[in-house]
N, C-alpha and C. Protein backbone atom coordinates (compact mmCIF):
# COMPACT_ATOMS: atom_id res chain seq x y z
N MET A 1 129.32 64.05 247.56
CA MET A 1 129.10 64.47 246.18
C MET A 1 130.47 64.68 245.54
N ASN A 2 130.66 64.10 244.37
CA ASN A 2 131.97 64.22 243.73
C ASN A 2 132.07 65.51 242.90
N LYS A 3 133.27 65.74 242.40
CA LYS A 3 133.59 66.97 241.68
C LYS A 3 132.71 67.15 240.45
N PHE A 4 132.48 66.10 239.71
CA PHE A 4 131.71 66.21 238.47
C PHE A 4 130.25 66.50 238.73
N SER A 5 129.72 65.95 239.81
CA SER A 5 128.33 66.26 240.18
C SER A 5 128.20 67.73 240.58
N LEU A 6 129.19 68.23 241.30
CA LEU A 6 129.16 69.64 241.68
C LEU A 6 129.29 70.55 240.46
N LEU A 7 130.14 70.15 239.51
CA LEU A 7 130.29 70.95 238.30
C LEU A 7 129.00 71.00 237.48
N LYS A 8 128.20 69.92 237.52
CA LYS A 8 126.92 69.91 236.82
C LYS A 8 125.94 70.91 237.42
N ILE A 9 126.16 71.28 238.67
CA ILE A 9 125.33 72.29 239.32
C ILE A 9 125.94 73.68 239.15
N VAL A 10 127.24 73.79 239.39
CA VAL A 10 127.92 75.09 239.36
C VAL A 10 127.93 75.70 237.95
N ASN A 11 128.24 74.91 236.94
CA ASN A 11 128.38 75.45 235.59
C ASN A 11 127.10 76.09 235.04
N PRO A 12 125.93 75.43 235.14
CA PRO A 12 124.72 76.11 234.66
C PRO A 12 124.39 77.36 235.48
N LEU A 13 124.60 77.30 236.79
CA LEU A 13 124.36 78.48 237.62
C LEU A 13 125.31 79.61 237.24
N LEU A 14 126.54 79.26 236.92
CA LEU A 14 127.52 80.26 236.48
C LEU A 14 127.08 80.90 235.17
N GLY A 15 126.61 80.10 234.23
CA GLY A 15 126.11 80.64 232.97
C GLY A 15 124.90 81.54 233.18
N LEU A 16 123.97 81.11 234.03
CA LEU A 16 122.79 81.92 234.33
C LEU A 16 123.19 83.22 235.03
N GLY A 17 124.13 83.13 235.96
CA GLY A 17 124.61 84.32 236.66
C GLY A 17 125.27 85.30 235.72
N PHE A 18 126.05 84.80 234.77
CA PHE A 18 126.69 85.67 233.78
C PHE A 18 125.65 86.38 232.94
N PHE A 19 124.65 85.62 232.45
CA PHE A 19 123.58 86.21 231.65
C PHE A 19 122.82 87.27 232.43
N LEU A 20 122.47 86.98 233.68
CA LEU A 20 121.74 87.93 234.51
C LEU A 20 122.56 89.17 234.79
N GLN A 21 123.86 89.00 235.04
CA GLN A 21 124.74 90.13 235.30
C GLN A 21 124.84 91.03 234.07
N ALA A 22 124.98 90.42 232.91
CA ALA A 22 125.06 91.19 231.67
C ALA A 22 123.73 91.91 231.40
N LEU A 23 122.62 91.20 231.56
CA LEU A 23 121.30 91.78 231.29
C LEU A 23 121.01 92.97 232.21
N THR A 24 121.24 92.80 233.50
CA THR A 24 120.97 93.89 234.43
C THR A 24 121.95 95.04 234.23
N GLY A 25 123.19 94.73 233.85
CA GLY A 25 124.16 95.78 233.56
C GLY A 25 123.73 96.62 232.37
N ILE A 26 123.23 95.97 231.33
CA ILE A 26 122.74 96.69 230.15
C ILE A 26 121.51 97.52 230.52
N MET A 27 120.62 96.93 231.31
CA MET A 27 119.43 97.67 231.73
C MET A 27 119.79 98.92 232.53
N LEU A 28 120.77 98.79 233.40
CA LEU A 28 121.21 99.95 234.19
C LEU A 28 121.90 100.99 233.31
N ALA A 29 122.72 100.54 232.38
CA ALA A 29 123.47 101.46 231.54
C ALA A 29 122.57 102.26 230.60
N TYR A 30 121.52 101.61 230.10
CA TYR A 30 120.66 102.27 229.11
C TYR A 30 119.32 102.73 229.67
N GLY A 31 119.12 102.59 230.97
CA GLY A 31 117.90 103.08 231.60
C GLY A 31 116.66 102.28 231.23
N ILE A 32 116.83 101.03 230.89
CA ILE A 32 115.70 100.16 230.56
C ILE A 32 115.04 99.73 231.86
N GLY A 33 113.73 99.83 231.94
CA GLY A 33 113.02 99.48 233.16
C GLY A 33 113.18 100.55 234.22
N ILE A 34 113.11 101.80 233.79
CA ILE A 34 113.38 102.94 234.68
C ILE A 34 112.51 102.92 235.94
N ASN A 35 111.30 102.36 235.84
CA ASN A 35 110.41 102.30 237.01
C ASN A 35 110.90 101.32 238.07
N TYR A 36 111.75 100.40 237.67
CA TYR A 36 112.26 99.37 238.59
C TYR A 36 113.77 99.47 238.79
N MET A 37 114.31 100.66 238.60
CA MET A 37 115.76 100.83 238.63
C MET A 37 116.38 100.40 239.96
N GLU A 38 115.72 100.69 241.07
CA GLU A 38 116.28 100.31 242.37
C GLU A 38 116.34 98.79 242.52
N GLN A 39 115.29 98.10 242.09
CA GLN A 39 115.27 96.64 242.19
C GLN A 39 116.30 96.02 241.24
N ILE A 40 116.43 96.58 240.04
CA ILE A 40 117.41 96.08 239.08
C ILE A 40 118.82 96.27 239.63
N SER A 41 119.06 97.42 240.24
CA SER A 41 120.37 97.70 240.82
C SER A 41 120.70 96.73 241.95
N GLU A 42 119.72 96.44 242.81
CA GLU A 42 119.95 95.48 243.89
C GLU A 42 120.18 94.08 243.35
N LEU A 43 119.39 93.68 242.35
CA LEU A 43 119.58 92.37 241.72
C LEU A 43 120.97 92.27 241.11
N HIS A 44 121.42 93.33 240.46
CA HIS A 44 122.75 93.36 239.85
C HIS A 44 123.84 93.21 240.92
N ARG A 45 123.67 93.93 242.02
CA ARG A 45 124.67 93.89 243.10
C ARG A 45 124.74 92.51 243.75
N TYR A 46 123.59 91.96 244.15
CA TYR A 46 123.59 90.67 244.82
C TYR A 46 124.02 89.54 243.88
N ASN A 47 123.59 89.62 242.64
CA ASN A 47 124.02 88.62 241.66
C ASN A 47 125.53 88.68 241.47
N GLY A 48 126.10 89.88 241.54
CA GLY A 48 127.55 90.02 241.42
C GLY A 48 128.29 89.26 242.50
N PHE A 49 127.79 89.35 243.74
CA PHE A 49 128.42 88.61 244.85
C PHE A 49 128.29 87.10 244.64
N ILE A 50 127.11 86.66 244.25
CA ILE A 50 126.89 85.23 244.00
C ILE A 50 127.75 84.76 242.83
N PHE A 51 127.85 85.60 241.79
CA PHE A 51 128.66 85.26 240.63
C PHE A 51 130.13 85.07 241.01
N ILE A 52 130.65 85.93 241.85
CA ILE A 52 132.04 85.80 242.31
C ILE A 52 132.24 84.48 243.06
N MET A 53 131.28 84.11 243.90
CA MET A 53 131.39 82.84 244.63
C MET A 53 131.33 81.65 243.67
N LEU A 54 130.48 81.74 242.65
CA LEU A 54 130.39 80.66 241.67
C LEU A 54 131.66 80.54 240.85
N VAL A 55 132.26 81.68 240.50
CA VAL A 55 133.54 81.66 239.77
C VAL A 55 134.61 81.00 240.63
N ALA A 56 134.64 81.34 241.92
CA ALA A 56 135.62 80.73 242.82
C ALA A 56 135.40 79.22 242.92
N ALA A 57 134.15 78.80 243.01
CA ALA A 57 133.85 77.36 243.07
C ALA A 57 134.26 76.69 241.77
N HIS A 58 133.97 77.32 240.64
CA HIS A 58 134.32 76.77 239.34
C HIS A 58 135.84 76.61 239.20
N LEU A 59 136.58 77.63 239.59
CA LEU A 59 138.04 77.55 239.52
C LEU A 59 138.59 76.47 240.46
N THR A 60 138.02 76.38 241.65
CA THR A 60 138.46 75.37 242.61
C THR A 60 138.21 73.97 242.07
N LEU A 61 137.02 73.75 241.52
CA LEU A 61 136.68 72.42 241.02
C LEU A 61 137.47 72.05 239.77
N ASN A 62 137.94 73.04 239.02
CA ASN A 62 138.70 72.78 237.79
C ASN A 62 140.20 73.03 237.95
N TRP A 63 140.66 73.18 239.17
CA TRP A 63 142.05 73.55 239.40
C TRP A 63 143.05 72.55 238.83
N ALA A 64 142.74 71.27 238.91
CA ALA A 64 143.67 70.26 238.38
C ALA A 64 143.83 70.45 236.87
N TRP A 65 142.73 70.69 236.15
CA TRP A 65 142.80 70.92 234.71
C TRP A 65 143.56 72.20 234.41
N ILE A 66 143.34 73.24 235.19
CA ILE A 66 144.03 74.52 234.99
C ILE A 66 145.54 74.33 235.16
N LYS A 67 145.93 73.65 236.24
CA LYS A 67 147.36 73.40 236.47
C LYS A 67 147.98 72.60 235.34
N MET A 68 147.27 71.59 234.87
CA MET A 68 147.81 70.71 233.85
C MET A 68 147.93 71.43 232.49
N ASN A 69 147.00 72.29 232.15
CA ASN A 69 146.98 72.90 230.83
C ASN A 69 147.53 74.32 230.76
N ILE A 70 147.38 75.07 231.80
CA ILE A 70 147.82 76.47 231.78
C ILE A 70 149.23 76.61 232.36
N PHE A 71 149.48 75.93 233.45
CA PHE A 71 150.76 76.07 234.14
C PHE A 71 151.70 74.92 233.86
N LYS A 72 151.55 74.27 232.71
CA LYS A 72 152.43 73.14 232.41
C LYS A 72 153.86 73.63 232.18
N LYS A 73 154.79 72.81 232.58
CA LYS A 73 156.20 73.16 232.43
C LYS A 73 156.66 72.91 231.01
N PRO A 74 157.47 73.81 230.48
CA PRO A 74 158.00 73.59 229.13
C PRO A 74 158.92 72.38 229.09
N VAL A 75 158.95 71.73 227.97
CA VAL A 75 159.78 70.51 227.82
C VAL A 75 161.21 70.88 227.54
């Protein structure tokens, strides 16, 4: 599987993970879903670990672009 095929999988999962992390964080902060607070907290925690792995994969797959655009040498 090439880099672009992997990015087609990683990027949507990364977006979904970000949305889920934000949503569960807001729910925890404001006490929304108080009856399910333990499950929301566990979902937030496990999603955080998965999110970190997806960010690492995203950075790894885009490292050439990052080097070329962020770490370019001045002329």
